[in-house]
Each structure stands twice: as structure tokens, then as C-alpha cells.
Amino acid sequence: MSAMSTERTRTVTWADPRVLLDAFAGKPGLELLQGIVAGTLPRRRSARP
């Protein structure tokens, strides 16, 4: 039998939440949601497949 490697790596990427905060400032929530659906604003990390 060969020894199995115990080394593991994980790569994590995300969008800066500051983009959403800046985009939301002074705008109704509906515009924010429409921007997310349209793809002009990033989705929340937990919403990504």
C-alpha cells in the first residue's frame, strides 16, 4: 500500500461586501435586489452555487 497524503488545500474567493454597502447607500432595497439579479452587483457569498 502507498501512503496517502494528508495535505489538503482550499481556495476561497469572494466579492468585497463593501461593494454592496456602497451600492445600497441611499437606494431602496428593490433597486439593490434588481442589481443583484441583473448581475451588476455581486451576489452574497452564501448565495453562490
PDB file of N, CA and C in Angstrom:
ATOM      1  N   MET A   1       0.826  -1.181   0.000  1.00  0.00           N
ATOM      2  CA  MET A   1       0.000   0.000   0.000  1.00  0.00           C
ATOM      3  C   MET A   1       0.872   1.247   0.000  1.00  0.00           C
ATOM      4  N   SER A   2       0.397   2.249  -0.699  1.00  0.00           N
ATOM      5  CA  SER A   2       1.126   3.508  -0.683  1.00  0.00           C
ATOM      6  C   SER A   2       0.516   4.424   0.375  1.00  0.00           C
ATOM      7  N   ALA A   3       1.333   5.273   0.940  1.00  0.00           N
ATOM      8  CA  ALA A   3       0.856   6.204   1.968  1.00  0.00           C
ATOM      9  C   ALA A   3       0.040   7.314   1.312  1.00  0.00           C
ATOM     10  N   MET A   4      -1.095   7.608   1.909  1.00  0.00           N
ATOM     11  CA  MET A   4      -1.943   8.682   1.387  1.00  0.00           C
ATOM     12  C   MET A   4      -1.463  10.024   1.940  1.00  0.00           C
ATOM     13  N   SER A   5      -1.542  11.034   1.118  1.00  0.00           N
ATOM     14  CA  SER A   5      -1.137  12.363   1.549  1.00  0.00           C
ATOM     15  C   SER A   5      -2.206  12.952   2.469  1.00  0.00           C
ATOM     16  N   THR A   6      -1.785  13.583   3.548  1.00  0.00           N
ATOM     17  CA  THR A   6      -2.721  14.229   4.456  1.00  0.00           C
ATOM     18  C   THR A   6      -2.779  15.735   4.214  1.00  0.00           C
ATOM     19  N   GLU A   7      -2.018  16.211   3.242  1.00  0.00           N
ATOM     20  CA  GLU A   7      -2.019  17.636   2.934  1.00  0.00           C
ATOM     21  C   GLU A   7      -3.265  17.993   2.122  1.00  0.00           C
ATOM     22  N   ARG A   8      -3.939  19.040   2.538  1.00  0.00           N
ATOM     23  CA  ARG A   8      -5.136  19.497   1.840  1.00  0.00           C
ATOM     24  C   ARG A   8      -5.042  20.997   1.623  1.00  0.00           C
ATOM     25  N   THR A   9      -5.659  21.440   0.552  1.00  0.00           N
ATOM     26  CA  THR A   9      -5.733  22.877   0.296  1.00  0.00           C
ATOM     27  C   THR A   9      -7.168  23.254  -0.022  1.00  0.00           C
ATOM     28  N   ARG A  10      -7.481  24.491   0.223  1.00  0.00           N
ATOM     29  CA  ARG A  10      -8.817  25.003  -0.094  1.00  0.00           C
ATOM     30  C   ARG A  10      -8.640  26.435  -0.595  1.00  0.00           C
ATOM     31  N   THR A  11      -9.232  26.719  -1.730  1.00  0.00           N
ATOM     32  CA  THR A  11      -9.187  28.060  -2.289  1.00  0.00           C
ATOM     33  C   THR A  11     -10.561  28.692  -2.118  1.00  0.00           C
ATOM     34  N   VAL A  12     -10.569  29.885  -1.556  1.00  0.00           N
ATOM     35  CA  VAL A  12     -11.814  30.587  -1.303  1.00  0.00           C
ATOM     36  C   VAL A  12     -11.757  31.927  -2.023  1.00  0.00           C
ATOM     37  N   THR A  13     -12.812  32.247  -2.757  1.00  0.00           N
ATOM     38  CA  THR A  13     -12.923  33.563  -3.387  1.00  0.00           C
ATOM     39  C   THR A  13     -14.241  34.185  -2.974  1.00  0.00           C
ATOM     40  N   TRP A  14     -14.268  35.483  -2.938  1.00  0.00           N
ATOM     41  CA  TRP A  14     -15.491  36.176  -2.580  1.00  0.00           C
ATOM     42  C   TRP A  14     -15.446  37.591  -3.126  1.00  0.00           C
ATOM     43  N   ALA A  15     -16.606  38.199  -3.174  1.00  0.00           N
ATOM     44  CA  ALA A  15     -16.713  39.591  -3.576  1.00  0.00           C
ATOM     45  C   ALA A  15     -16.684  40.454  -2.314  1.00  0.00           C
ATOM     46  N   ASP A  16     -16.071  41.592  -2.414  1.00  0.00           N
ATOM     47  CA  ASP A  16     -15.976  42.503  -1.284  1.00  0.00           C
ATOM     48  C   ASP A  16     -17.376  42.998  -0.907  1.00  0.00           C
ATOM     49  N   PRO A  17     -17.841  42.757   0.312  1.00  0.00           N
ATOM     50  CA  PRO A  17     -19.184  43.193   0.703  1.00  0.00           C
ATOM     51  C   PRO A  17     -19.331  44.709   0.694  1.00  0.00           C
ATOM     52  N   ARG A  18     -18.216  45.424   0.687  1.00  0.00           N
ATOM     53  CA  ARG A  18     -18.274  46.885   0.653  1.00  0.00           C
ATOM     54  C   ARG A  18     -18.965  47.374  -0.625  1.00  0.00           C
ATOM     55  N   VAL A  19     -18.831  46.621  -1.714  1.00  0.00           N
ATOM     56  CA  VAL A  19     -19.485  46.986  -2.972  1.00  0.00           C
ATOM     57  C   VAL A  19     -20.994  47.063  -2.769  1.00  0.00           C
ATOM     58  N   LEU A  20     -21.553  46.070  -2.088  1.00  0.00           N
ATOM     59  CA  LEU A  20     -22.995  46.088  -1.819  1.00  0.00           C
ATOM     60  C   LEU A  20     -23.379  47.227  -0.882  1.00  0.00           C
ATOM     61  N   LEU A  21     -22.576  47.467   0.133  1.00  0.00           N
ATOM     62  CA  LEU A  21     -22.886  48.546   1.069  1.00  0.00           C
ATOM     63  C   LEU A  21     -22.870  49.897   0.367  1.00  0.00           C
ATOM     64  N   ASP A  22     -21.865  50.121  -0.480  1.00  0.00           N
ATOM     65  CA  ASP A  22     -21.775  51.384  -1.205  1.00  0.00           C
ATOM     66  C   ASP A  22     -22.927  51.523  -2.200  1.00  0.00           C
ATOM     67  N   ALA A  23     -23.275  50.432  -2.866  1.00  0.00           N
ATOM     68  CA  ALA A  23     -24.353  50.471  -3.847  1.00  0.00           C
ATOM     69  C   ALA A  23     -25.705  50.676  -3.174  1.00  0.00           C
ATOM     70  N   PHE A  24     -25.863  50.190  -1.954  1.00  0.00           N
ATOM     71  CA  PHE A  24     -27.136  50.270  -1.247  1.00  0.00           C
ATOM     72  C   PHE A  24     -27.369  51.645  -0.618  1.00  0.00           C
ATOM     73  N   ALA A  25     -26.299  52.379  -0.380  1.00  0.00           N
ATOM     74  CA  ALA A  25     -26.414  53.660   0.320  1.00  0.00           C
ATOM     75  C   ALA A  25     -27.386  54.592  -0.393  1.00  0.00           C
ATOM     76  N   GLY A  26     -28.460  54.932   0.296  1.00  0.00           N
ATOM     77  CA  GLY A  26     -29.425  55.886  -0.220  1.00  0.00           C
ATOM     78  C   GLY A  26     -30.374  55.352  -1.275  1.00  0.00           C
ATOM     79  N   LYS A  27     -30.391  54.060  -1.514  1.00  0.00           N
ATOM     80  CA  LYS A  27     -31.270  53.482  -2.519  1.00  0.00           C
ATOM     81  C   LYS A  27     -32.271  52.533  -1.871  1.00  0.00           C
ATOM     82  N   PRO A  28     -33.434  52.389  -2.492  1.00  0.00           N
ATOM     83  CA  PRO A  28     -34.404  51.420  -1.971  1.00  0.00           C
ATOM     84  C   PRO A  28     -33.888  49.988  -2.126  1.00  0.00           C
ATOM     85  N   GLY A  29     -34.343  49.115  -1.269  1.00  0.00           N
ATOM     86  CA  GLY A  29     -33.911  47.720  -1.310  1.00  0.00           C
ATOM     87  C   GLY A  29     -34.241  47.034  -2.621  1.00  0.00           C
ATOM     88  N   LEU A  30     -35.323  47.451  -3.267  1.00  0.00           N
ATOM     89  CA  LEU A  30     -35.712  46.842  -4.537  1.00  0.00           C
ATOM     90  C   LEU A  30     -34.642  47.072  -5.603  1.00  0.00           C
ATOM     91  N   GLU A  31     -34.072  48.273  -5.644  1.00  0.00           N
ATOM     92  CA  GLU A  31     -33.013  48.550  -6.622  1.00  0.00           C
ATOM     93  C   GLU A  31     -31.790  47.676  -6.368  1.00  0.00           C
ATOM     94  N   LEU A  32     -31.468  47.451  -5.115  1.00  0.00           N
ATOM     95  CA  LEU A  32     -30.339  46.588  -4.771  1.00  0.00           C
ATOM     96  C   LEU A  32     -30.591  45.168  -5.268  1.00  0.00           C
ATOM     97  N   LEU A  33     -31.761  44.644  -4.987  1.00  0.00           N
ATOM     98  CA  LEU A  33     -32.096  43.286  -5.430  1.00  0.00           C
ATOM     99  C   LEU A  33     -32.109  43.179  -6.954  1.00  0.00           C
ATOM    100  N   GLN A  34     -32.622  44.197  -7.617  1.00  0.00           N
ATOM    101  CA  GLN A  34     -32.633  44.187  -9.080  1.00  0.00           C
ATOM    102  C   GLN A  34     -31.214  44.191  -9.634  1.00  0.00           C
ATOM    103  N   GLY A  35     -30.316  44.911  -8.998  1.00  0.00           N
ATOM    104  CA  GLY A  35     -28.914  44.925  -9.425  1.00  0.00           C
ATOM    105  C   GLY A  35     -28.253  43.568  -9.252  1.00  0.00           C
ATOM    106  N   ILE A  36     -28.588  42.873  -8.182  1.00  0.00           N
ATOM    107  CA  ILE A  36     -28.039  41.532  -7.951  1.00  0.00           C
ATOM    108  C   ILE A  36     -28.569  40.562  -9.001  1.00  0.00           C
ATOM    109  N   VAL A  37     -29.873  40.626  -9.266  1.00  0.00           N
ATOM    110  CA  VAL A  37     -30.478  39.736 -10.257  1.00  0.00           C
ATOM    111  C   VAL A  37     -29.919  40.015 -11.645  1.00  0.00           C
ATOM    112  N   ALA A  38     -29.727  41.295 -11.980  1.00  0.00           N
ATOM    113  CA  ALA A  38     -29.220  41.679 -13.299  1.00  0.00           C
ATOM    114  C   ALA A  38     -27.740  41.349 -13.461  1.00  0.00           C
ATOM    115  N   GLY A  39     -27.042  41.104 -12.344  1.00  0.00           N
ATOM    116  CA  GLY A  39     -25.620  40.779 -12.422  1.00  0.00           C
ATOM    117  C   GLY A  39     -24.707  41.985 -12.346  1.00  0.00           C
ATOM    118  N   THR A  40     -25.262  43.174 -12.119  1.00  0.00           N
ATOM    119  CA  THR A  40     -24.426  44.363 -11.987  1.00  0.00           C
ATOM    120  C   THR A  40     -23.834  44.488 -10.589  1.00  0.00           C
ATOM    121  N   LEU A  41     -24.389  43.763  -9.644  1.00  0.00           N
ATOM    122  CA  LEU A  41     -23.861  43.694  -8.288  1.00  0.00           C
ATOM    123  C   LEU A  41     -23.609  42.228  -7.941  1.00  0.00           C
ATOM    124  N   PRO A  42     -22.572  41.949  -7.168  1.00  0.00           N
ATOM    125  CA  PRO A  42     -22.301  40.555  -6.807  1.00  0.00           C
ATOM    126  C   PRO A  42     -23.335  40.006  -5.839  1.00  0.00           C
ATOM    127  N   ARG A  43     -23.594  38.689  -5.965  1.00  0.00           N
ATOM    128  CA  ARG A  43     -24.480  38.020  -5.017  1.00  0.00           C
ATOM    129  C   ARG A  43     -23.732  37.784  -3.718  1.00  0.00           C
ATOM    130  N   ARG A  44     -24.488  37.579  -2.652  1.00  0.00           N
ATOM    131  CA  ARG A  44     -23.860  37.230  -1.381  1.00  0.00           C
ATOM    132  C   ARG A  44     -23.094  35.928  -1.522  1.00  0.00           C
ATOM    133  N   ARG A  45     -22.075  35.753  -0.778  1.00  0.00           N
ATOM    134  CA  ARG A  45     -21.250  34.545  -0.817  1.00  0.00           C
ATOM    135  C   ARG A  45     -22.092  33.291  -0.575  1.00  0.00           C
ATOM    136  N   SER A  46     -23.003  33.359   0.374  1.00  0.00           N
ATOM    137  CA  SER A  46     -23.805  32.184   0.699  1.00  0.00           C
ATOM    138  C   SER A  46     -24.790  31.835  -0.411  1.00  0.00           C
ATOM    139  N   ALA A  47     -25.011  32.757  -1.329  1.00  0.00           N
ATOM    140  CA  ALA A  47     -25.972  32.507  -2.414  1.00  0.00           C
ATOM    141  C   ALA A  47     -25.308  31.879  -3.636  1.00  0.00           C
ATOM    142  N   ARG A  48     -24.007  31.790  -3.635  1.00  0.00           N
ATOM    143  CA  ARG A  48     -23.311  31.228  -4.792  1.00  0.00           C
ATOM    144  C   ARG A  48     -23.365  29.713  -4.782  1.00  0.00           C
ATOM    145  N   PRO A  49     -23.521  29.121  -5.957  1.00  0.00           N
ATOM    146  CA  PRO A  49     -23.570  27.647  -6.018  1.00  0.00           C
ATOM    147  C   PRO A  49     -22.231  27.017  -5.729  1.00  0.00           C
TER     148      PRO A  49
END
